[in-house]
Amino acid sequence: MMPSDHSVVTESTRVYAGVRTRELSVDGAGPTVVLLHGYCDSADTWRGVLNRLAAAGRRAVAVDLPGFGLADPRAPGPLTPQFDAFAEALIAAHGPVVLMGNSLGAATALHAAARDRVGRIRALVTLDEPLLARHWAARLVRRREYRRFFDLTTVLPVPDRVVRWVVALGVSKVIYGPGYSADPEFVATAVRSVPNMAAAAARGRDAIRYAREHPSGHGDLTVSCPVVVVHGGKDRIIPVAASRELHALLPGSEFAVLPTAGHCPQLDEPDNVTRLLLGVLARTGDHEQAG
């Protein structure tokens, strides 16, 4: 039986690159597994994986990225440099690390791995990486006109309770794969992060800003560490083709599809996600003792 979350996961406050944030961690042998969540998500998305890594005796941390969860708000200006600086400080504090990221977290992890010249990143696992998506939704959000839609929604008189209902429904029906039951506690954290129309519009505008910072995906991409590219086969947001293209861009990378998982495989299939991680950790050959 899996140990209780509250008995094994430690919650603390840390500062990385000047950003005060919440960190969830479990102790064990290294290298440290660093888990980066997706857009409009939080460290809570990794609780199932953290529990399973703890049971396997592996050290891991998950953090709220800048502007999400309980982290400090993002600063004005481009978003990508802020996420990159935060990840750089996080890796420096915990290295050597094995990185796993979902969606925005996967893109951020890729940037970090491409910058790594000293071997602090032993391996990288991406879940449903978004920047190589070429489907209609990806093309739409890169259009300037679409940003104006969120400017308009800011002034719409939508009651807060309706916004919260839509967010809860969206998490349950869009983020999870078909047939999976949404965790009520996780849905509640998502609703708290988007409590009203102003918050929803701000999230939408920033999502478009981030997409427009990467009009052609990643550009030239060279990653020296082992990479496993994973995608949920039932992802309703980012098609599997995006991860297939990423796999093709990274010679020597491995590719896996979790056939029934949605956009956040760590929520739908924490056992399989942890199994993939443990396989990667075993191949690193690094078995530091717990601190």
C-alpha atoms as a PDB file:
ATOM      1  CA  MET A   1       0.000   0.000   0.000  1.00  0.00           C
ATOM      2  CA  MET A   2       1.247   3.474  -0.887  1.00  0.00           C
ATOM      3  CA  PRO A   3       2.257   5.537   2.184  1.00  0.00           C
ATOM      4  CA  SER A   4       0.109   8.540   3.066  1.00  0.00           C
ATOM      5  CA  ASP A   5       1.116  11.699   1.244  1.00  0.00           C
ATOM      6  CA  HIS A   6       1.281  13.703   4.450  1.00  0.00           C
ATOM      7  CA  SER A   7       3.597  11.158   6.094  1.00  0.00           C
ATOM      8  CA  VAL A   8       6.320  11.289   3.434  1.00  0.00           C
ATOM      9  CA  VAL A   9       6.093  14.590   1.542  1.00  0.00           C
ATOM     10  CA  THR A  10       7.726  17.569   3.228  1.00  0.00           C
ATOM     11  CA  GLU A  11       6.485  21.055   2.341  1.00  0.00           C
ATOM     12  CA  SER A  12       8.848  23.996   2.727  1.00  0.00           C
ATOM     13  CA  THR A  13       9.459  27.513   1.456  1.00  0.00           C
ATOM     14  CA  ARG A  14      12.515  28.122  -0.693  1.00  0.00           C
ATOM     15  CA  VAL A  15      13.929  30.955  -2.791  1.00  0.00           C
ATOM     16  CA  TYR A  16      15.363  30.365  -6.270  1.00  0.00           C
ATOM     17  CA  ALA A  17      16.612  33.207  -8.481  1.00  0.00           C
ATOM     18  CA  GLY A  18      14.931  35.668  -6.113  1.00  0.00           C
ATOM     19  CA  VAL A  19      11.538  33.930  -6.382  1.00  0.00           C
ATOM     20  CA  ARG A  20       9.980  32.728  -3.136  1.00  0.00           C
ATOM     21  CA  THR A  21       8.196  29.440  -3.754  1.00  0.00           C
ATOM     22  CA  ARG A  22       6.773  26.288  -2.208  1.00  0.00           C
ATOM     23  CA  GLU A  23       8.778  23.083  -2.468  1.00  0.00           C
ATOM     24  CA  LEU A  24       7.471  19.541  -1.939  1.00  0.00           C
ATOM     25  CA  SER A  25      10.187  16.980  -1.287  1.00  0.00           C
ATOM     26  CA  VAL A  26      10.862  13.375  -0.330  1.00  0.00           C
ATOM     27  CA  ASP A  27      14.156  12.005   0.933  1.00  0.00           C
ATOM     28  CA  GLY A  28      16.137   9.096  -0.422  1.00  0.00           C
ATOM     29  CA  ALA A  29      19.112   8.241  -2.600  1.00  0.00           C
ATOM     30  CA  GLY A  30      20.249  10.558  -5.369  1.00  0.00           C
ATOM     31  CA  PRO A  31      20.612  12.048  -7.858  1.00  0.00           C
ATOM     32  CA  THR A  32      17.702  14.314  -6.991  1.00  0.00           C
ATOM     33  CA  VAL A  33      14.671  14.017  -9.249  1.00  0.00           C
ATOM     34  CA  VAL A  34      13.446  17.556 -10.019  1.00  0.00           C
ATOM     35  CA  LEU A  35       9.811  17.743 -11.160  1.00  0.00           C
ATOM     36  CA  LEU A  36       8.541  20.780 -13.102  1.00  0.00           C
ATOM     37  CA  HIS A  37       4.798  21.257 -13.607  1.00  0.00           C
ATOM     38  CA  GLY A  38       2.897  22.669 -16.563  1.00  0.00           C
ATOM     39  CA  TYR A  39       1.177  25.975 -17.266  1.00  0.00           C
ATOM     40  CA  CYS A  40      -1.429  27.041 -14.695  1.00  0.00           C
ATOM     41  CA  ASP A  41      -0.536  23.976 -12.606  1.00  0.00           C
ATOM     42  CA  SER A  42       1.422  23.573  -9.358  1.00  0.00           C
ATOM     43  CA  ALA A  43       3.725  21.221  -7.482  1.00  0.00           C
ATOM     44  CA  ASP A  44       0.610  19.372  -6.292  1.00  0.00           C
ATOM     45  CA  THR A  45       0.404  17.669  -9.676  1.00  0.00           C
ATOM     46  CA  TRP A  46       3.398  15.533  -8.637  1.00  0.00           C
ATOM     47  CA  ARG A  47       2.162  14.239  -5.268  1.00  0.00           C
ATOM     48  CA  GLY A  48       1.380  10.759  -6.605  1.00  0.00           C
ATOM     49  CA  VAL A  49       4.822  10.477  -8.199  1.00  0.00           C
ATOM     50  CA  LEU A  50       6.526  11.844  -5.078  1.00  0.00           C
ATOM     51  CA  ASN A  51       4.843   9.199  -2.945  1.00  0.00           C
ATOM     52  CA  ARG A  52       5.997   6.442  -5.237  1.00  0.00           C
ATOM     53  CA  LEU A  53       9.545   7.756  -5.443  1.00  0.00           C
ATOM     54  CA  ALA A  54       9.630   7.890  -1.642  1.00  0.00           C
ATOM     55  CA  ALA A  55       8.507   4.258  -1.508  1.00  0.00           C
ATOM     56  CA  ALA A  56      11.342   3.425  -3.918  1.00  0.00           C
ATOM     57  CA  GLY A  57      13.861   5.268  -1.713  1.00  0.00           C
ATOM     58  CA  ARG A  58      14.580   8.069  -4.197  1.00  0.00           C
ATOM     59  CA  ARG A  59      15.150  11.739  -3.412  1.00  0.00           C
ATOM     60  CA  ALA A  60      12.878  14.168  -5.287  1.00  0.00           C
ATOM     61  CA  VAL A  61      11.577  17.732  -5.229  1.00  0.00           C
ATOM     62  CA  ALA A  62       8.669  19.497  -6.932  1.00  0.00           C
ATOM     63  CA  VAL A  63       8.244  23.261  -6.902  1.00  0.00           C
ATOM     64  CA  ASP A  64       5.680  25.889  -7.845  1.00  0.00           C
ATOM     65  CA  LEU A  65       7.049  27.710 -10.896  1.00  0.00           C
ATOM     66  CA  PRO A  66       7.041  31.545 -10.838  1.00  0.00           C
ATOM     67  CA  GLY A  67       3.516  32.933 -10.942  1.00  0.00           C
ATOM     68  CA  PHE A  68       1.812  29.611 -10.173  1.00  0.00           C
ATOM     69  CA  GLY A  69       0.678  27.864  -7.006  1.00  0.00           C
ATOM     70  CA  LEU A  70       2.103  29.674  -3.991  1.00  0.00           C
ATOM     71  CA  ALA A  71       5.152  31.102  -5.790  1.00  0.00           C
ATOM     72  CA  ASP A  72       5.828  34.820  -6.092  1.00  0.00           C
ATOM     73  CA  PRO A  73       4.224  36.543  -9.096  1.00  0.00           C
ATOM     74  CA  ARG A  74       6.261  36.808 -12.264  1.00  0.00           C
ATOM     75  CA  ALA A  75       7.976  40.096 -13.056  1.00  0.00           C
ATOM     76  CA  PRO A  76       6.958  42.223 -16.052  1.00  0.00           C
ATOM     77  CA  GLY A  77       8.616  41.371 -19.342  1.00  0.00           C
ATOM     78  CA  PRO A  78       9.326  38.145 -21.243  1.00  0.00           C
ATOM     79  CA  LEU A  79       8.327  34.943 -19.492  1.00  0.00           C
ATOM     80  CA  THR A  80      10.887  32.453 -20.805  1.00  0.00           C
ATOM     81  CA  PRO A  81      13.955  34.086 -19.192  1.00  0.00           C
ATOM     82  CA  GLN A  82      12.178  34.054 -15.825  1.00  0.00           C
ATOM     83  CA  PHE A  83      11.371  30.353 -16.002  1.00  0.00           C
ATOM     84  CA  ASP A  84      14.893  29.620 -17.269  1.00  0.00           C
ATOM     85  CA  ALA A  85      16.614  31.543 -14.465  1.00  0.00           C
ATOM     86  CA  PHE A  86      14.415  29.887 -11.859  1.00  0.00           C
ATOM     87  CA  ALA A  87      15.198  26.407 -13.235  1.00  0.00           C
ATOM     88  CA  GLU A  88      18.917  27.202 -13.364  1.00  0.00           C
ATOM     89  CA  ALA A  89      18.955  28.157  -9.674  1.00  0.00           C
ATOM     90  CA  LEU A  90      16.875  25.112  -8.748  1.00  0.00           C
ATOM     91  CA  ILE A  91      19.255  22.744 -10.540  1.00  0.00           C
ATOM     92  CA  ALA A  92      22.302  24.453  -9.025  1.00  0.00           C
ATOM     93  CA  ALA A  93      20.845  23.950  -5.535  1.00  0.00           C
ATOM     94  CA  HIS A  94      19.995  20.265  -6.007  1.00  0.00           C
ATOM     95  CA  GLY A  95      22.450  18.994  -8.625  1.00  0.00           C
ATOM     96  CA  PRO A  96      23.216  16.514  -9.905  1.00  0.00           C
ATOM     97  CA  VAL A  97      19.624  16.004 -10.989  1.00  0.00           C
ATOM     98  CA  VAL A  98      17.343  13.997 -13.210  1.00  0.00           C
ATOM     99  CA  LEU A  99      14.786  16.384 -14.692  1.00  0.00           C
ATOM    100  CA  MET A 100      11.174  15.537 -15.473  1.00  0.00           C
ATOM    101  CA  GLY A 101       8.829  18.210 -16.776  1.00  0.00           C
ATOM    102  CA  ASN A 102       5.236  18.279 -17.988  1.00  0.00           C
ATOM    103  CA  SER A 103       4.082  20.709 -20.707  1.00  0.00           C
ATOM    104  CA  LEU A 104       5.556  24.128 -19.793  1.00  0.00           C
ATOM    105  CA  GLY A 105       7.799  22.280 -17.330  1.00  0.00           C
ATOM    106  CA  ALA A 106       8.998  20.018 -20.138  1.00  0.00           C
ATOM    107  CA  ALA A 107       9.911  23.017 -22.301  1.00  0.00           C
ATOM    108  CA  THR A 108      11.715  24.628 -19.356  1.00  0.00           C
ATOM    109  CA  ALA A 109      13.568  21.392 -18.618  1.00  0.00           C
ATOM    110  CA  LEU A 110      14.646  21.131 -22.270  1.00  0.00           C
ATOM    111  CA  HIS A 111      16.042  24.656 -22.175  1.00  0.00           C
ATOM    112  CA  ALA A 112      17.990  23.783 -19.023  1.00  0.00           C
ATOM    113  CA  ALA A 113      19.387  20.575 -20.526  1.00  0.00           C
ATOM    114  CA  ALA A 114      20.463  22.401 -23.675  1.00  0.00           C
ATOM    115  CA  ARG A 115      22.376  24.941 -21.539  1.00  0.00           C
ATOM    116  CA  ASP A 116      24.040  22.346 -19.307  1.00  0.00           C
ATOM    117  CA  ARG A 117      27.760  22.187 -20.006  1.00  0.00           C
ATOM    118  CA  VAL A 118      28.994  20.737 -16.715  1.00  0.00           C
ATOM    119  CA  GLY A 119      26.938  17.555 -16.386  1.00  0.00           C
ATOM    120  CA  ARG A 120      24.610  18.671 -13.602  1.00  0.00           C
ATOM    121  CA  ILE A 121      21.666  17.129 -15.487  1.00  0.00           C
ATOM    122  CA  ARG A 122      22.121  13.363 -15.628  1.00  0.00           C
ATOM    123  CA  ALA A 123      18.970  12.666 -17.659  1.00  0.00           C
ATOM    124  CA  LEU A 124      15.794  14.323 -18.898  1.00  0.00           C
ATOM    125  CA  VAL A 125      12.211  13.054 -19.210  1.00  0.00           C
ATOM    126  CA  THR A 126       9.627  15.197 -21.014  1.00  0.00           C
ATOM    127  CA  LEU A 127       5.884  14.685 -20.642  1.00  0.00           C
ATOM    128  CA  ASP A 128       3.647  16.183 -23.365  1.00  0.00           C
ATOM    129  CA  GLU A 129       6.074  18.905 -24.413  1.00  0.00           C
ATOM    130  CA  PRO A 130       4.049  21.709 -26.083  1.00  0.00           C
ATOM    131  CA  LEU A 131       6.283  23.974 -28.159  1.00  0.00           C
ATOM    132  CA  LEU A 132       6.411  21.776 -31.273  1.00  0.00           C
ATOM    133  CA  ALA A 133       2.629  21.536 -31.558  1.00  0.00           C
ATOM    134  CA  ARG A 134       1.453  22.458 -35.063  1.00  0.00           C
ATOM    135  CA  HIS A 135      -2.296  21.789 -34.784  1.00  0.00           C
ATOM    136  CA  TRP A 136      -5.020  24.416 -35.198  1.00  0.00           C
ATOM    137  CA  ALA A 137      -5.025  25.442 -31.520  1.00  0.00           C
ATOM    138  CA  ALA A 138      -1.278  26.090 -31.547  1.00  0.00           C
ATOM    139  CA  ARG A 139      -1.570  28.213 -34.680  1.00  0.00           C
ATOM    140  CA  LEU A 140      -4.489  30.131 -33.215  1.00  0.00           C
ATOM    141  CA  VAL A 141      -2.813  31.125 -29.938  1.00  0.00           C
ATOM    142  CA  ARG A 142       0.156  32.564 -31.834  1.00  0.00           C
ATOM    143  CA  ARG A 143      -2.115  35.026 -33.625  1.00  0.00           C
ATOM    144  CA  ARG A 144      -2.107  38.571 -32.227  1.00  0.00           C
ATOM    145  CA  GLU A 145      -5.898  38.802 -32.499  1.00  0.00           C
ATOM    146  CA  TYR A 146      -6.393  35.950 -30.059  1.00  0.00           C
ATOM    147  CA  ARG A 147      -4.725  37.908 -27.254  1.00  0.00           C
ATOM    148  CA  ARG A 148      -7.378  40.604 -27.633  1.00  0.00           C
ATOM    149  CA  PHE A 149      -9.996  37.993 -26.795  1.00  0.00           C
ATOM    150  CA  PHE A 150      -8.619  37.818 -23.237  1.00  0.00           C
ATOM    151  CA  ASP A 151      -8.526  41.607 -22.999  1.00  0.00           C
ATOM    152  CA  LEU A 152     -12.267  41.531 -23.717  1.00  0.00           C
ATOM    153  CA  THR A 153     -13.017  38.760 -21.229  1.00  0.00           C
ATOM    154  CA  THR A 154     -11.552  40.833 -18.394  1.00  0.00           C
ATOM    155  CA  VAL A 155     -14.569  43.137 -18.473  1.00  0.00           C
ATOM    156  CA  LEU A 156     -17.224  40.460 -18.950  1.00  0.00           C
ATOM    157  CA  PRO A 157     -19.585  40.273 -15.931  1.00  0.00           C
ATOM    158  CA  VAL A 158     -19.102  36.546 -15.313  1.00  0.00           C
ATOM    159  CA  PRO A 159     -19.842  35.567 -11.689  1.00  0.00           C
ATOM    160  CA  ASP A 160     -16.909  34.073  -9.800  1.00  0.00           C
ATOM    161  CA  ARG A 161     -18.870  30.904  -9.044  1.00  0.00           C
ATOM    162  CA  VAL A 162     -19.329  30.328 -12.788  1.00  0.00           C
ATOM    163  CA  VAL A 163     -15.594  30.773 -13.413  1.00  0.00           C
ATOM    164  CA  ARG A 164     -14.795  28.290 -10.653  1.00  0.00           C
ATOM    165  CA  TRP A 165     -17.290  25.789 -12.094  1.00  0.00           C
ATOM    166  CA  VAL A 166     -15.783  26.091 -15.583  1.00  0.00           C
ATOM    167  CA  VAL A 167     -12.244  25.655 -14.228  1.00  0.00           C
ATOM    168  CA  ALA A 168     -13.239  22.548 -12.260  1.00  0.00           C
ATOM    169  CA  LEU A 169     -15.002  21.100 -15.304  1.00  0.00           C
ATOM    170  CA  GLY A 170     -12.070  21.892 -17.556  1.00  0.00           C
ATOM    171  CA  VAL A 171      -9.553  20.216 -15.263  1.00  0.00           C
ATOM    172  CA  SER A 172     -11.734  17.122 -14.933  1.00  0.00           C
ATOM    173  CA  LYS A 173     -12.620  16.796 -18.619  1.00  0.00           C
ATOM    174  CA  VAL A 174      -9.657  18.255 -20.478  1.00  0.00           C
ATOM    175  CA  ILE A 175      -6.538  17.768 -18.350  1.00  0.00           C
ATOM    176  CA  TYR A 176      -7.282  14.170 -17.336  1.00  0.00           C
ATOM    177  CA  GLY A 177      -7.523  11.416 -19.908  1.00  0.00           C
ATOM    178  CA  PRO A 178     -10.902   9.863 -20.796  1.00  0.00           C
ATOM    179  CA  GLY A 179     -12.117   7.500 -18.101  1.00  0.00           C
ATOM    180  CA  TYR A 180      -9.875   8.801 -15.327  1.00  0.00           C
ATOM    181  CA  SER A 181     -11.437  10.271 -12.192  1.00  0.00           C
ATOM    182  CA  ALA A 182     -10.159  13.687 -11.198  1.00  0.00           C
ATOM    183  CA  ASP A 183      -8.669  13.986  -7.718  1.00  0.00           C
ATOM    184  CA  PRO A 184     -10.948  16.427  -5.818  1.00  0.00           C
ATOM    185  CA  GLU A 185      -8.001  17.914  -3.906  1.00  0.00           C
ATOM    186  CA  PHE A 186      -6.125  18.583  -7.131  1.00  0.00           C
ATOM    187  CA  VAL A 187      -9.186  20.138  -8.753  1.00  0.00           C
ATOM    188  CA  ALA A 188      -9.571  22.388  -5.701  1.00  0.00           C
ATOM    189  CA  THR A 189      -5.981  23.655  -6.091  1.00  0.00           C
ATOM    190  CA  ALA A 190      -6.671  24.471  -9.740  1.00  0.00           C
ATOM    191  CA  VAL A 191      -9.843  26.368  -8.853  1.00  0.00           C
ATOM    192  CA  ARG A 192      -7.989  28.394  -6.221  1.00  0.00           C
ATOM    193  CA  SER A 193      -5.452  29.459  -8.839  1.00  0.00           C
ATOM    194  CA  VAL A 194      -8.154  30.846 -11.172  1.00  0.00           C
ATOM    195  CA  PRO A 195     -10.850  32.232  -8.852  1.00  0.00           C
ATOM    196  CA  ASN A 196     -12.373  34.872 -11.151  1.00  0.00           C
ATOM    197  CA  MET A 197     -12.528  36.232 -14.685  1.00  0.00           C
ATOM    198  CA  ALA A 198      -9.634  38.634 -14.193  1.00  0.00           C
ATOM    199  CA  ALA A 199      -7.373  35.754 -13.168  1.00  0.00           C
ATOM    200  CA  ALA A 200      -8.586  33.627 -16.092  1.00  0.00           C
ATOM    201  CA  ALA A 201      -7.875  36.440 -18.559  1.00  0.00           C
ATOM    202  CA  ALA A 202      -4.402  37.017 -17.103  1.00  0.00           C
ATOM    203  CA  ARG A 203      -3.567  33.315 -17.424  1.00  0.00           C
ATOM    204  CA  GLY A 204      -4.788  33.334 -21.017  1.00  0.00           C
ATOM    205  CA  ARG A 205      -2.786  36.400 -21.983  1.00  0.00           C
ATOM    206  CA  ASP A 206       0.412  34.991 -20.482  1.00  0.00           C
ATOM    207  CA  ALA A 207      -0.086  31.641 -22.223  1.00  0.00           C
ATOM    208  CA  ILE A 208      -0.238  33.475 -25.546  1.00  0.00           C
ATOM    209  CA  ARG A 209       2.799  35.588 -24.633  1.00  0.00           C
ATOM    210  CA  TYR A 210       4.772  32.417 -23.915  1.00  0.00           C
ATOM    211  CA  ALA A 211       3.687  30.772 -27.172  1.00  0.00           C
ATOM    212  CA  ARG A 212       4.645  33.894 -29.131  1.00  0.00           C
ATOM    213  CA  GLU A 213       8.111  33.834 -27.539  1.00  0.00           C
ATOM    214  CA  HIS A 214       8.622  30.504 -29.330  1.00  0.00           C
ATOM    215  CA  PRO A 215       7.102  30.961 -32.794  1.00  0.00           C
ATOM    216  CA  SER A 216       9.145  28.120 -34.308  1.00  0.00           C
ATOM    217  CA  GLY A 217       9.463  25.820 -31.310  1.00  0.00           C
ATOM    218  CA  HIS A 218      12.949  25.324 -29.901  1.00  0.00           C
ATOM    219  CA  GLY A 219      15.169  26.273 -32.830  1.00  0.00           C
ATOM    220  CA  ASP A 220      18.521  24.485 -32.815  1.00  0.00           C
ATOM    221  CA  LEU A 221      18.425  21.989 -29.970  1.00  0.00           C
ATOM    222  CA  THR A 222      21.404  20.011 -28.701  1.00  0.00           C
ATOM    223  CA  VAL A 223      21.075  17.980 -25.502  1.00  0.00           C
ATOM    224  CA  SER A 224      23.972  15.824 -24.341  1.00  0.00           C
ATOM    225  CA  CYS A 225      22.278  13.887 -21.534  1.00  0.00           C
ATOM    226  CA  PRO A 226      19.994  10.856 -22.087  1.00  0.00           C
ATOM    227  CA  VAL A 227      16.435  11.908 -22.981  1.00  0.00           C
ATOM    228  CA  VAL A 228      13.137  10.041 -22.768  1.00  0.00           C
ATOM    229  CA  VAL A 229      10.246  11.713 -24.611  1.00  0.00           C
ATOM    230  CA  VAL A 230       6.814  10.677 -23.298  1.00  0.00           C
ATOM    231  CA  HIS A 231       3.316  11.676 -24.378  1.00  0.00           C
ATOM    232  CA  GLY A 232      -0.198  10.847 -23.244  1.00  0.00           C
ATOM    233  CA  GLY A 233      -2.017   9.136 -26.101  1.00  0.00           C
ATOM    234  CA  LYS A 234      -5.301  10.847 -25.190  1.00  0.00           C
ATOM    235  CA  ASP A 235      -3.921  14.348 -24.660  1.00  0.00           C
ATOM    236  CA  ARG A 236      -6.699  16.751 -25.680  1.00  0.00           C
ATOM    237  CA  ILE A 237      -4.401  19.813 -25.645  1.00  0.00           C
ATOM    238  CA  ILE A 238      -1.114  18.844 -27.320  1.00  0.00           C
ATOM    239  CA  PRO A 239      -1.145  16.110 -30.001  1.00  0.00           C
ATOM    240  CA  VAL A 240       1.298  13.193 -29.840  1.00  0.00           C
ATOM    241  CA  ALA A 241       2.860  14.477 -33.073  1.00  0.00           C
ATOM    242  CA  ALA A 242       4.589  17.246 -31.081  1.00  0.00           C
ATOM    243  CA  SER A 243       6.554  14.737 -29.019  1.00  0.00           C
ATOM    244  CA  ARG A 244       7.273  12.599 -32.090  1.00  0.00           C
ATOM    245  CA  GLU A 245       8.873  15.664 -33.663  1.00  0.00           C
ATOM    246  CA  LEU A 246      10.875  16.349 -30.491  1.00  0.00           C
ATOM    247  CA  HIS A 247      12.091  12.749 -30.465  1.00  0.00           C
ATOM    248  CA  ALA A 248      13.223  13.130 -34.090  1.00  0.00           C
ATOM    249  CA  LEU A 249      15.149  16.285 -33.175  1.00  0.00           C
ATOM    250  CA  LEU A 250      17.102  14.520 -30.416  1.00  0.00           C
ATOM    251  CA  PRO A 251      19.267  11.692 -31.791  1.00  0.00           C
ATOM    252  CA  GLY A 252      19.507   8.800 -29.355  1.00  0.00           C
ATOM    253  CA  SER A 253      16.412   9.811 -27.399  1.00  0.00           C
ATOM    254  CA  GLU A 254      13.790   7.256 -26.422  1.00  0.00           C
ATOM    255  CA  PHE A 255      10.094   7.711 -27.190  1.00  0.00           C
ATOM    256  CA  ALA A 256       7.082   6.318 -25.360  1.00  0.00           C
ATOM    257  CA  VAL A 257       3.336   6.865 -25.614  1.00  0.00           C
ATOM    258  CA  LEU A 258       1.093   6.145 -22.630  1.00  0.00           C
ATOM    259  CA  PRO A 259      -1.977   5.154 -24.667  1.00  0.00           C
ATOM    260  CA  THR A 260      -4.780   6.161 -22.300  1.00  0.00           C
ATOM    261  CA  ALA A 261      -3.187   9.102 -20.470  1.00  0.00           C
ATOM    262  CA  GLY A 262      -4.185  12.743 -21.004  1.00  0.00           C
ATOM    263  CA  HIS A 263      -2.181  15.967 -20.929  1.00  0.00           C
ATOM    264  CA  CYS A 264      -0.798  15.276 -17.438  1.00  0.00           C
ATOM    265  CA  PRO A 265       0.278  11.608 -17.360  1.00  0.00           C
ATOM    266  CA  GLN A 266       1.562  12.113 -13.810  1.00  0.00           C
ATOM    267  CA  LEU A 267      -2.061  12.540 -12.709  1.00  0.00           C
ATOM    268  CA  ASP A 268      -3.541   9.698 -14.749  1.00  0.00           C
ATOM    269  CA  GLU A 269      -0.771   7.133 -14.466  1.00  0.00           C
ATOM    270  CA  PRO A 270       1.629   7.922 -11.601  1.00  0.00           C
ATOM    271  CA  ASP A 271       2.696   4.261 -11.458  1.00  0.00           C
ATOM    272  CA  ASN A 272       3.818   4.231 -15.096  1.00  0.00           C
ATOM    273  CA  VAL A 273       5.420   7.664 -14.867  1.00  0.00           C
ATOM    274  CA  THR A 274       7.353   6.577 -11.779  1.00  0.00           C
ATOM    275  CA  ARG A 275       8.357   3.335 -13.491  1.00  0.00           C
ATOM    276  CA  LEU A 276       9.821   5.346 -16.379  1.00  0.00           C
ATOM    277  CA  LEU A 277      11.672   7.590 -13.929  1.00  0.00           C
ATOM    278  CA  LEU A 278      13.102   4.670 -11.986  1.00  0.00           C
ATOM    279  CA  GLY A 279      14.294   3.131 -15.235  1.00  0.00           C
ATOM    280  CA  VAL A 280      16.080   6.339 -16.125  1.00  0.00           C
ATOM    281  CA  LEU A 281      17.597   6.567 -12.643  1.00  0.00           C
ATOM    282  CA  ALA A 282      18.837   2.992 -12.876  1.00  0.00           C
ATOM    283  CA  ARG A 283      20.557   3.776 -16.188  1.00  0.00           C
ATOM    284  CA  THR A 284      22.361   6.801 -14.721  1.00  0.00           C
ATOM    285  CA  GLY A 285      24.333   4.414 -12.509  1.00  0.00           C
ATOM    286  CA  ASP A 286      24.342   7.012  -9.735  1.00  0.00           C
ATOM    287  CA  HIS A 287      23.301   5.702  -6.315  1.00  0.00           C
ATOM    288  CA  GLU A 288      24.255   8.334  -3.754  1.00  0.00           C
ATOM    289  CA  GLN A 289      23.122   7.636  -0.241  1.00  0.00           C
ATOM    290  CA  ALA A 290      20.329   9.608   1.377  1.00  0.00           C
ATOM    291  CA  GLY A 291      21.459  12.741   3.171  1.00  0.00           C
END
